[in-house]
Amino acid sequence: MLEFLPYKGSLMYLMAYDAAKLLLDAQNLYARSASAYEIADVAVRRNHARLTVIRGALRRQAQYHTARQLQVIVRQKLNADRLPCDSAARIYGAPGVGGICDVCDKLLSPTQLVMSVPWPRQQTFAHLHADCFIAWRAMISSIAARRHTA
C-alpha cells in the first residue's frame, strides 16, 4: 500500500509545517515569557525591599523633623510664658476630651493620650499631646541643666 505523503506545494503540507512551526514558536515564546516573569518577579521583590527601607528612612526623618519643630515651638512658648516653666511633682494622663494642645495648637482627640501638667502661675493646667509633653519635658530639663551649670 502506498502511504500518502503530501508534497511540498500542497495545502496539507503547508498546514502541517505551519502547525509544527507554530507549536515550536509557542514553546519558545512560553520559555521566554517564563524567563521574563522570573526576572520581573526578582526586580519587583528587590524594589519592594528598597521601598520598605526608603519608607522607614522617610518615617524616621519625618519624626526627627517633627521633634525639632516641637522643640522650637516649646522654646518659643516657654519664652512667651505660654507654657509652665517647671516640672510638676504630679502629672496626669488621660484620653483627650476635646480642647487644644497648649504646644502644637491642635485638637486633643479622644484617641490620643493627653498629659495635664499643673501650671501654678496661671492657676490651671497645660494640656499636651504625649509627643508634645515629651518635647516640653526635654526642653525644661535642658533649661534646668543649664541653670545648674551656670
N, C-alpha and C. Protein backbone atom coordinates (compact mmCIF):
# COMPACT_ATOMS: atom_id res chain seq x y z
N MET A 1 0.83 -1.16 0.00
CA MET A 1 0.00 0.00 0.00
C MET A 1 0.88 1.24 0.00
N LEU A 2 0.50 2.19 -0.72
CA LEU A 2 1.26 3.43 -0.80
C LEU A 2 0.79 4.38 0.30
N GLU A 3 1.76 4.93 0.97
CA GLU A 3 1.44 5.90 2.01
C GLU A 3 1.32 7.27 1.37
N PHE A 4 0.33 8.03 1.87
CA PHE A 4 0.12 9.35 1.30
C PHE A 4 1.06 10.33 1.96
N LEU A 5 1.96 10.89 1.25
CA LEU A 5 2.86 11.94 1.73
C LEU A 5 2.54 13.20 0.95
N PRO A 6 2.13 14.21 1.66
CA PRO A 6 1.81 15.43 0.91
C PRO A 6 3.07 16.03 0.31
N TYR A 7 2.95 16.52 -0.86
CA TYR A 7 4.12 17.13 -1.46
C TYR A 7 4.23 18.58 -0.99
N LYS A 8 5.40 19.12 -1.14
CA LYS A 8 5.72 20.41 -0.54
C LYS A 8 4.78 21.52 -0.95
N GLY A 9 4.28 21.53 -2.05
CA GLY A 9 3.44 22.63 -2.51
C GLY A 9 1.99 22.49 -2.10
N SER A 10 1.62 21.37 -1.51
CA SER A 10 0.21 21.17 -1.21
C SER A 10 -0.20 21.94 0.04
N LEU A 11 -1.47 22.20 0.13
CA LEU A 11 -2.06 22.93 1.26
C LEU A 11 -1.88 22.14 2.54
N MET A 12 -2.02 20.82 2.47
CA MET A 12 -1.88 19.99 3.66
C MET A 12 -0.46 20.06 4.21
N TYR A 13 0.53 20.06 3.33
CA TYR A 13 1.92 20.16 3.76
C TYR A 13 2.15 21.50 4.47
N LEU A 14 1.64 22.57 3.88
CA LEU A 14 1.80 23.90 4.48
C LEU A 14 1.12 23.97 5.85
N MET A 15 -0.04 23.35 5.96
CA MET A 15 -0.75 23.37 7.24
C MET A 15 0.02 22.59 8.30
N ALA A 16 0.57 21.42 7.93
CA ALA A 16 1.35 20.62 8.88
C ALA A 16 2.62 21.35 9.26
N TYR A 17 3.29 21.96 8.27
CA TYR A 17 4.51 22.71 8.54
C TYR A 17 4.20 23.91 9.44
N ASP A 18 3.13 24.64 9.13
CA ASP A 18 2.75 25.80 9.93
C ASP A 18 2.39 25.39 11.35
N ALA A 19 1.71 24.28 11.51
CA ALA A 19 1.33 23.80 12.84
C ALA A 19 2.57 23.45 13.65
N ALA A 20 3.53 22.77 13.04
CA ALA A 20 4.76 22.41 13.75
C ALA A 20 5.55 23.67 14.10
N LYS A 21 5.64 24.59 13.15
CA LYS A 21 6.35 25.84 13.41
C LYS A 21 5.63 26.64 14.48
N LEU A 22 4.32 26.69 14.43
CA LEU A 22 3.53 27.41 15.43
C LEU A 22 3.74 26.82 16.81
N LEU A 23 3.76 25.48 16.91
CA LEU A 23 3.99 24.81 18.19
C LEU A 23 5.39 25.13 18.72
N LEU A 24 6.38 25.10 17.84
CA LEU A 24 7.74 25.43 18.24
C LEU A 24 7.85 26.89 18.68
N ASP A 25 7.21 27.79 17.93
CA ASP A 25 7.21 29.21 18.30
C ASP A 25 6.52 29.42 19.64
N ALA A 26 5.42 28.70 19.86
CA ALA A 26 4.70 28.83 21.13
C ALA A 26 5.56 28.35 22.29
N GLN A 27 6.28 27.25 22.11
CA GLN A 27 7.16 26.75 23.16
C GLN A 27 8.28 27.74 23.45
N ASN A 28 8.86 28.31 22.40
CA ASN A 28 9.91 29.33 22.59
C ASN A 28 9.36 30.56 23.29
N LEU A 29 8.18 30.99 22.87
CA LEU A 29 7.56 32.16 23.50
C LEU A 29 7.25 31.89 24.97
N TYR A 30 6.77 30.69 25.26
CA TYR A 30 6.49 30.32 26.66
C TYR A 30 7.78 30.36 27.48
N ALA A 31 8.85 29.81 26.94
CA ALA A 31 10.13 29.79 27.67
C ALA A 31 10.63 31.21 27.91
N ARG A 32 10.53 32.06 26.88
CA ARG A 32 10.96 33.46 27.06
C ARG A 32 10.07 34.19 28.05
N SER A 33 8.77 33.93 28.00
CA SER A 33 7.83 34.56 28.93
C SER A 33 8.11 34.13 30.37
N ALA A 34 8.37 32.85 30.56
CA ALA A 34 8.67 32.35 31.90
C ALA A 34 9.95 32.98 32.42
N SER A 35 10.94 33.12 31.56
CA SER A 35 12.20 33.74 31.94
C SER A 35 11.98 35.23 32.28
N ALA A 36 11.22 35.92 31.45
CA ALA A 36 10.93 37.33 31.70
C ALA A 36 10.15 37.49 33.00
N TYR A 37 9.22 36.58 33.26
CA TYR A 37 8.45 36.63 34.51
C TYR A 37 9.37 36.49 35.71
N GLU A 38 10.29 35.54 35.66
CA GLU A 38 11.23 35.33 36.77
C GLU A 38 12.07 36.58 37.01
N ILE A 39 12.57 37.16 35.93
CA ILE A 39 13.38 38.38 36.05
C ILE A 39 12.54 39.51 36.65
N ALA A 40 11.32 39.68 36.16
CA ALA A 40 10.44 40.73 36.67
C ALA A 40 10.08 40.49 38.13
N ASP A 41 9.84 39.24 38.48
CA ASP A 41 9.50 38.91 39.86
C ASP A 41 10.64 39.26 40.81
N VAL A 42 11.86 38.95 40.41
CA VAL A 42 13.03 39.30 41.22
C VAL A 42 13.14 40.82 41.35
N ALA A 43 12.93 41.54 40.25
CA ALA A 43 13.01 43.01 40.28
C ALA A 43 11.94 43.61 41.17
N VAL A 44 10.73 43.08 41.10
CA VAL A 44 9.64 43.58 41.94
C VAL A 44 9.94 43.34 43.41
N ARG A 45 10.43 42.16 43.73
CA ARG A 45 10.78 41.86 45.13
C ARG A 45 11.91 42.77 45.62
N ARG A 46 12.92 42.99 44.77
CA ARG A 46 14.03 43.86 45.14
C ARG A 46 13.53 45.29 45.36
N ASN A 47 12.68 45.77 44.46
CA ASN A 47 12.13 47.12 44.60
C ASN A 47 11.23 47.25 45.81
N HIS A 48 10.49 46.20 46.12
CA HIS A 48 9.64 46.21 47.31
C HIS A 48 10.50 46.35 48.56
N ALA A 49 11.61 45.61 48.60
CA ALA A 49 12.52 45.70 49.75
C ALA A 49 13.13 47.09 49.84
N ARG A 50 13.53 47.65 48.70
CA ARG A 50 14.07 49.01 48.69
C ARG A 50 13.04 50.01 49.17
N LEU A 51 11.82 49.86 48.70
CA LEU A 51 10.75 50.77 49.10
C LEU A 51 10.50 50.71 50.60
N THR A 52 10.56 49.52 51.17
CA THR A 52 10.39 49.36 52.62
C THR A 52 11.48 50.12 53.37
N VAL A 53 12.71 50.00 52.90
CA VAL A 53 13.83 50.72 53.53
C VAL A 53 13.64 52.23 53.40
N ILE A 54 13.26 52.67 52.21
CA ILE A 54 13.07 54.11 51.98
C ILE A 54 11.93 54.65 52.84
N ARG A 55 10.83 53.91 52.93
CA ARG A 55 9.71 54.36 53.76
C ARG A 55 10.13 54.49 55.22
N GLY A 56 10.91 53.52 55.70
CA GLY A 56 11.41 53.60 57.08
C GLY A 56 12.28 54.82 57.29
N ALA A 57 13.15 55.11 56.33
CA ALA A 57 14.03 56.28 56.44
C ALA A 57 13.21 57.56 56.41
N LEU A 58 12.22 57.61 55.54
CA LEU A 58 11.36 58.81 55.48
C LEU A 58 10.57 58.99 56.77
N ARG A 59 10.09 57.88 57.33
CA ARG A 59 9.34 57.95 58.58
C ARG A 59 10.23 58.48 59.71
N ARG A 60 11.47 57.96 59.78
CA ARG A 60 12.41 58.44 60.82
C ARG A 60 12.75 59.91 60.61
N GLN A 61 12.93 60.30 59.35
CA GLN A 61 13.25 61.69 59.06
C GLN A 61 12.08 62.59 59.43
N ALA A 62 10.86 62.16 59.13
CA ALA A 62 9.67 62.96 59.48
C ALA A 62 9.55 63.09 61.00
N GLN A 63 9.80 61.99 61.72
CA GLN A 63 9.74 62.05 63.18
C GLN A 63 10.79 63.00 63.73
N TYR A 64 11.99 62.97 63.13
CA TYR A 64 13.07 63.85 63.57
C TYR A 64 12.67 65.31 63.35
N HIS A 65 12.13 65.60 62.14
CA HIS A 65 11.74 66.98 61.86
C HIS A 65 10.58 67.42 62.74
N THR A 66 9.66 66.52 63.01
CA THR A 66 8.54 66.86 63.89
C THR A 66 9.06 67.16 65.29
N ALA A 67 9.98 66.35 65.79
CA ALA A 67 10.56 66.59 67.11
C ALA A 67 11.29 67.92 67.15
N ARG A 68 12.04 68.23 66.09
CA ARG A 68 12.76 69.52 66.03
C ARG A 68 11.77 70.68 66.00
N GLN A 69 10.69 70.53 65.24
CA GLN A 69 9.69 71.58 65.17
C GLN A 69 9.03 71.79 66.54
N LEU A 70 8.73 70.68 67.21
CA LEU A 70 8.14 70.79 68.55
C LEU A 70 9.09 71.47 69.51
N GLN A 71 10.39 71.18 69.42
CA GLN A 71 11.36 71.84 70.30
C GLN A 71 11.36 73.35 70.08
N VAL A 72 11.30 73.76 68.83
CA VAL A 72 11.26 75.20 68.52
C VAL A 72 10.00 75.83 69.08
N ILE A 73 8.87 75.18 68.88
CA ILE A 73 7.59 75.71 69.38
C ILE A 73 7.61 75.80 70.90
N VAL A 74 8.09 74.73 71.56
CA VAL A 74 8.14 74.72 73.03
C VAL A 74 9.03 75.85 73.52
N ARG A 75 10.19 76.03 72.91
CA ARG A 75 11.11 77.10 73.33
C ARG A 75 10.43 78.47 73.19
N GLN A 76 9.75 78.69 72.07
CA GLN A 76 9.07 79.97 71.85
C GLN A 76 7.98 80.19 72.89
N LYS A 77 7.19 79.16 73.16
CA LYS A 77 6.09 79.31 74.13
C LYS A 77 6.59 79.44 75.56
N LEU A 78 7.70 78.77 75.88
CA LEU A 78 8.29 78.96 77.21
C LEU A 78 8.79 80.38 77.37
N ASN A 79 9.43 80.91 76.33
CA ASN A 79 9.93 82.29 76.38
C ASN A 79 8.79 83.30 76.48
N ALA A 80 7.65 82.99 75.89
CA ALA A 80 6.48 83.88 75.93
C ALA A 80 5.60 83.59 77.14
N ASP A 81 6.03 82.72 78.04
CA ASP A 81 5.27 82.33 79.23
C ASP A 81 3.90 81.75 78.88
N ARG A 82 3.86 80.97 77.82
CA ARG A 82 2.62 80.32 77.41
C ARG A 82 2.62 78.84 77.74
N LEU A 83 3.67 78.39 78.46
CA LEU A 83 3.75 77.02 78.97
C LEU A 83 4.39 77.07 80.35
N PRO A 84 4.10 76.08 81.20
CA PRO A 84 4.75 76.04 82.51
C PRO A 84 6.27 75.90 82.35
N CYS A 85 7.00 76.62 83.18
CA CYS A 85 8.47 76.60 83.08
C CYS A 85 9.10 75.54 83.97
N ASP A 86 8.33 74.96 84.87
CA ASP A 86 8.88 73.98 85.79
C ASP A 86 8.07 72.69 85.71
N SER A 87 8.77 71.60 85.97
CA SER A 87 8.10 70.31 86.00
C SER A 87 7.32 70.20 87.30
N ALA A 88 6.26 69.44 87.26
CA ALA A 88 5.42 69.26 88.45
C ALA A 88 5.68 67.89 89.07
N ALA A 89 5.38 67.79 90.36
CA ALA A 89 5.54 66.51 91.05
C ALA A 89 4.56 65.48 90.51
N ARG A 90 3.36 65.95 90.14
CA ARG A 90 2.33 65.06 89.59
C ARG A 90 1.88 65.57 88.24
N ILE A 91 1.79 64.62 87.34
CA ILE A 91 1.29 64.93 86.00
C ILE A 91 0.23 63.88 85.69
N TYR A 92 -0.85 64.32 85.11
CA TYR A 92 -1.98 63.43 84.86
C TYR A 92 -2.06 63.09 83.37
N GLY A 93 -2.40 61.86 83.07
CA GLY A 93 -2.56 61.43 81.69
C GLY A 93 -3.91 60.76 81.51
N ALA A 94 -4.58 61.09 80.42
CA ALA A 94 -5.90 60.52 80.13
C ALA A 94 -6.20 60.73 78.65
N PRO A 95 -7.21 60.05 78.14
CA PRO A 95 -7.61 60.33 76.75
C PRO A 95 -8.11 61.77 76.62
N GLY A 96 -7.92 62.33 75.44
CA GLY A 96 -8.37 63.70 75.21
C GLY A 96 -9.88 63.81 75.26
N VAL A 97 -10.34 64.98 75.63
CA VAL A 97 -11.78 65.24 75.69
C VAL A 97 -12.13 66.51 74.91
N GLY A 98 -11.35 66.77 73.88
CA GLY A 98 -11.54 68.00 73.12
C GLY A 98 -10.54 69.04 73.61
N GLY A 99 -10.70 70.22 73.19
CA GLY A 99 -9.76 71.27 73.56
C GLY A 99 -8.58 71.28 72.61
N ILE A 100 -7.64 72.14 72.92
CA ILE A 100 -6.49 72.36 72.05
C ILE A 100 -5.21 72.13 72.84
N CYS A 101 -4.22 71.50 72.23
CA CYS A 101 -2.92 71.27 72.85
C CYS A 101 -2.24 72.62 73.05
N ASP A 102 -1.67 72.82 74.23
CA ASP A 102 -1.01 74.09 74.52
C ASP A 102 0.33 74.24 73.82
N VAL A 103 0.86 73.16 73.23
CA VAL A 103 2.11 73.27 72.48
C VAL A 103 1.83 73.45 71.00
N CYS A 104 1.18 72.48 70.38
CA CYS A 104 1.04 72.49 68.91
C CYS A 104 -0.25 73.12 68.41
N ASP A 105 -1.13 73.49 69.32
CA ASP A 105 -2.41 74.13 68.97
C ASP A 105 -3.30 73.27 68.09
N LYS A 106 -3.18 71.94 68.24
CA LYS A 106 -4.04 71.02 67.51
C LYS A 106 -5.03 70.37 68.47
N LEU A 107 -6.09 69.79 67.91
CA LEU A 107 -7.16 69.19 68.70
C LEU A 107 -6.67 68.03 69.54
N LEU A 108 -7.14 67.95 70.77
CA LEU A 108 -6.85 66.83 71.68
C LEU A 108 -8.00 65.83 71.54
N SER A 109 -7.82 64.86 70.66
CA SER A 109 -8.92 63.93 70.36
C SER A 109 -8.98 62.81 71.40
N PRO A 110 -10.13 62.16 71.51
CA PRO A 110 -10.30 61.07 72.48
C PRO A 110 -9.41 59.85 72.21
N THR A 111 -8.87 59.73 71.01
CA THR A 111 -8.00 58.59 70.70
C THR A 111 -6.55 58.85 71.07
N GLN A 112 -6.25 60.03 71.59
CA GLN A 112 -4.88 60.40 71.93
C GLN A 112 -4.70 60.52 73.43
N LEU A 113 -3.49 60.18 73.89
CA LEU A 113 -3.14 60.38 75.29
C LEU A 113 -2.82 61.86 75.49
N VAL A 114 -3.44 62.45 76.48
CA VAL A 114 -3.23 63.87 76.78
C VAL A 114 -2.67 63.97 78.20
N MET A 115 -1.59 64.70 78.32
CA MET A 115 -0.95 64.93 79.62
C MET A 115 -1.42 66.29 80.14
N SER A 116 -1.86 66.30 81.39
CA SER A 116 -2.27 67.54 82.04
C SER A 116 -1.21 67.91 83.06
N VAL A 117 -0.56 69.03 82.83
CA VAL A 117 0.55 69.48 83.66
C VAL A 117 0.08 70.66 84.49
N PRO A 118 0.20 70.59 85.84
CA PRO A 118 -0.19 71.74 86.65
C PRO A 118 0.62 72.98 86.27
N TRP A 119 -0.06 74.11 86.23
CA TRP A 119 0.56 75.38 85.85
C TRP A 119 0.21 76.39 86.93
N PRO A 120 0.95 76.34 88.06
CA PRO A 120 0.60 77.16 89.22
C PRO A 120 0.54 78.65 88.92
N ARG A 121 1.43 79.14 88.09
CA ARG A 121 1.47 80.57 87.79
C ARG A 121 0.16 81.04 87.16
N GLN A 122 -0.47 80.18 86.36
CA GLN A 122 -1.74 80.52 85.71
C GLN A 122 -2.95 79.94 86.46
N GLN A 123 -2.67 79.20 87.53
CA GLN A 123 -3.70 78.52 88.32
C GLN A 123 -4.61 77.65 87.45
N THR A 124 -3.98 76.87 86.59
CA THR A 124 -4.71 75.96 85.70
C THR A 124 -3.78 74.81 85.30
N PHE A 125 -4.13 74.09 84.28
CA PHE A 125 -3.32 73.01 83.76
C PHE A 125 -2.97 73.29 82.30
N ALA A 126 -1.81 72.87 81.91
CA ALA A 126 -1.45 72.86 80.48
C ALA A 126 -1.79 71.47 79.97
N HIS A 127 -2.49 71.39 78.87
CA HIS A 127 -2.90 70.11 78.29
C HIS A 127 -2.08 69.87 77.03
N LEU A 128 -1.34 68.74 77.02
CA LEU A 128 -0.39 68.47 75.95
C LEU A 128 -0.57 67.06 75.40
N HIS A 129 -0.41 66.93 74.07
CA HIS A 129 -0.31 65.59 73.49
C HIS A 129 0.91 64.91 74.12
N ALA A 130 0.95 63.60 74.07
CA ALA A 130 2.08 62.86 74.66
C ALA A 130 3.40 63.27 74.00
N ASP A 131 3.42 63.40 72.67
CA ASP A 131 4.65 63.82 71.98
C ASP A 131 5.03 65.24 72.35
N CYS A 132 4.06 66.10 72.46
CA CYS A 132 4.32 67.49 72.85
C CYS A 132 4.83 67.53 74.29
N PHE A 133 4.27 66.68 75.15
CA PHE A 133 4.73 66.60 76.53
C PHE A 133 6.20 66.19 76.58
N ILE A 134 6.57 65.20 75.77
CA ILE A 134 7.96 64.74 75.74
C ILE A 134 8.88 65.88 75.32
N ALA A 135 8.48 66.63 74.30
CA ALA A 135 9.31 67.76 73.85
C ALA A 135 9.39 68.83 74.94
N TRP A 136 8.26 69.12 75.61
CA TRP A 136 8.24 70.12 76.69
C TRP A 136 9.14 69.66 77.84
N ARG A 137 9.00 68.40 78.22
CA ARG A 137 9.79 67.87 79.34
C ARG A 137 11.29 67.92 79.03
N ALA A 138 11.66 67.57 77.81
CA ALA A 138 13.07 67.62 77.41
C ALA A 138 13.59 69.05 77.44
N MET A 139 12.78 69.97 77.01
CA MET A 139 13.21 71.37 76.98
C MET A 139 13.39 71.93 78.39
N ILE A 140 12.44 71.68 79.28
CA ILE A 140 12.60 72.23 80.64
C ILE A 140 13.74 71.53 81.38
N SER A 141 13.98 70.26 81.05
CA SER A 141 15.12 69.55 81.66
C SER A 141 16.44 70.16 81.19
N SER A 142 16.54 70.49 79.91
CA SER A 142 17.78 71.09 79.40
C SER A 142 17.96 72.50 79.95
N ILE A 143 16.87 73.22 80.13
CA ILE A 143 16.96 74.56 80.72
C ILE A 143 17.41 74.46 82.17
N ALA A 144 16.85 73.50 82.90
CA ALA A 144 17.24 73.31 84.31
C ALA A 144 18.71 72.89 84.40
N ALA A 145 19.17 72.06 83.49
CA ALA A 145 20.57 71.63 83.49
C ALA A 145 21.49 72.81 83.22
N ARG A 146 21.09 73.69 82.30
CA ARG A 146 21.92 74.88 82.02
C ARG A 146 21.97 75.81 83.21
N ARG A 147 20.85 75.91 83.94
CA ARG A 147 20.83 76.78 85.15
C ARG A 147 21.82 76.27 86.20
N HIS A 148 21.87 74.94 86.34
CA HIS A 148 22.74 74.34 87.35
C HIS A 148 24.22 74.46 86.98
N THR A 149 24.53 74.45 85.69
CA THR A 149 25.93 74.55 85.28
C THR A 149 26.39 76.00 85.20
N ALA A 150 25.47 76.91 85.13
CA ALA A 150 25.85 78.34 85.01
C ALA A 150 26.14 78.97 86.36
